[in-house]
């Protein structure tokens, strides 16, 4: 593991960057797999940050 994002702001920016460039809605499990696959982001940091992004209205939570 060479580099790991630890600051919440960095993790949130990374998540938003991925979502913007994917260009289509994806489910939480897929997003989680993408973000934490190389241990670039810790699993717990990801969940904490994605919840904060949803609460802030930066990410839409779509339920089917």
Protein backbone atom coordinates (compact mmCIF):
# COMPACT_ATOMS: atom_id res chain seq x y z
CA UNK A 1 0.00 0.00 0.00
CA UNK A 2 1.87 3.05 -1.26
CA UNK A 3 -0.67 5.81 -0.69
CA UNK A 4 -3.87 6.07 1.29
CA UNK A 5 -6.30 8.97 1.53
CA UNK A 6 -6.96 9.71 5.18
CA UNK A 7 -8.42 13.23 5.21
CA UNK A 8 -12.21 13.26 4.92
CA UNK A 9 -12.12 16.12 2.44
CA UNK A 10 -9.76 14.18 0.16
CA UNK A 11 -11.95 11.08 0.30
CA UNK A 12 -15.09 13.10 -0.49
CA UNK A 13 -13.41 14.79 -3.44
CA UNK A 14 -12.26 11.41 -4.72
CA UNK A 15 -15.78 9.97 -4.44
CA UNK A 16 -17.33 12.96 -6.20
CA UNK A 17 -14.66 12.83 -8.91
CA UNK A 18 -15.43 9.17 -9.59
CA UNK A 19 -19.18 9.74 -9.68
CA UNK A 20 -18.80 12.70 -12.04
CA UNK A 21 -16.60 10.73 -14.45
CA UNK A 22 -18.59 7.49 -14.39
CA UNK A 23 -21.48 9.49 -15.79
CA UNK A 24 -24.30 7.19 -14.75
CA UNK A 25 -25.88 6.14 -11.46
CA UNK A 26 -24.21 3.21 -9.73
CA UNK A 27 -25.16 1.32 -6.62
CA UNK A 28 -23.38 1.71 -3.29
CA UNK A 29 -21.77 -1.74 -3.44
CA UNK A 30 -20.17 -1.04 -6.82
CA UNK A 31 -18.96 2.38 -5.71
CA UNK A 32 -17.55 0.83 -2.55
CA UNK A 33 -15.70 -1.82 -4.58
CA UNK A 34 -14.19 0.82 -6.85
CA UNK A 35 -13.07 3.12 -4.04
CA UNK A 36 -11.61 0.58 -1.63
CA UNK A 37 -10.33 -2.09 -4.06
CA UNK A 38 -6.64 -1.09 -3.83
CA UNK A 39 -6.90 0.09 -0.21
CA UNK A 40 -6.57 3.66 -1.49
CA UNK A 41 -9.43 4.52 0.88
CA UNK A 42 -10.30 2.72 4.10
CA UNK A 43 -13.71 0.99 4.16
CA UNK A 44 -14.85 2.90 7.25
CA UNK A 45 -13.70 6.25 5.86
CA UNK A 46 -15.63 5.55 2.66
CA UNK A 47 -18.88 4.78 4.47
CA UNK A 48 -18.53 7.78 6.75
CA UNK A 49 -17.84 10.14 3.85
CA UNK A 50 -20.56 8.81 1.55
CA UNK A 51 -23.11 9.25 4.36
CA UNK A 52 -21.97 12.83 4.89
CA UNK A 53 -22.20 13.52 1.14
CA UNK A 54 -25.76 12.17 1.04
CA UNK A 55 -26.76 14.22 4.11
CA UNK A 56 -25.24 17.36 2.56
CA UNK A 57 -27.14 16.79 -0.68
CA UNK A 58 -23.98 16.41 -2.79
CA UNK A 59 -24.94 12.84 -3.74
CA UNK A 60 -28.47 11.67 -4.44
CA UNK A 61 -29.66 8.50 -2.79
CA UNK A 62 -31.94 6.69 -5.20
CA UNK A 63 -34.06 3.79 -3.97
CA UNK A 64 -35.82 1.41 -6.29
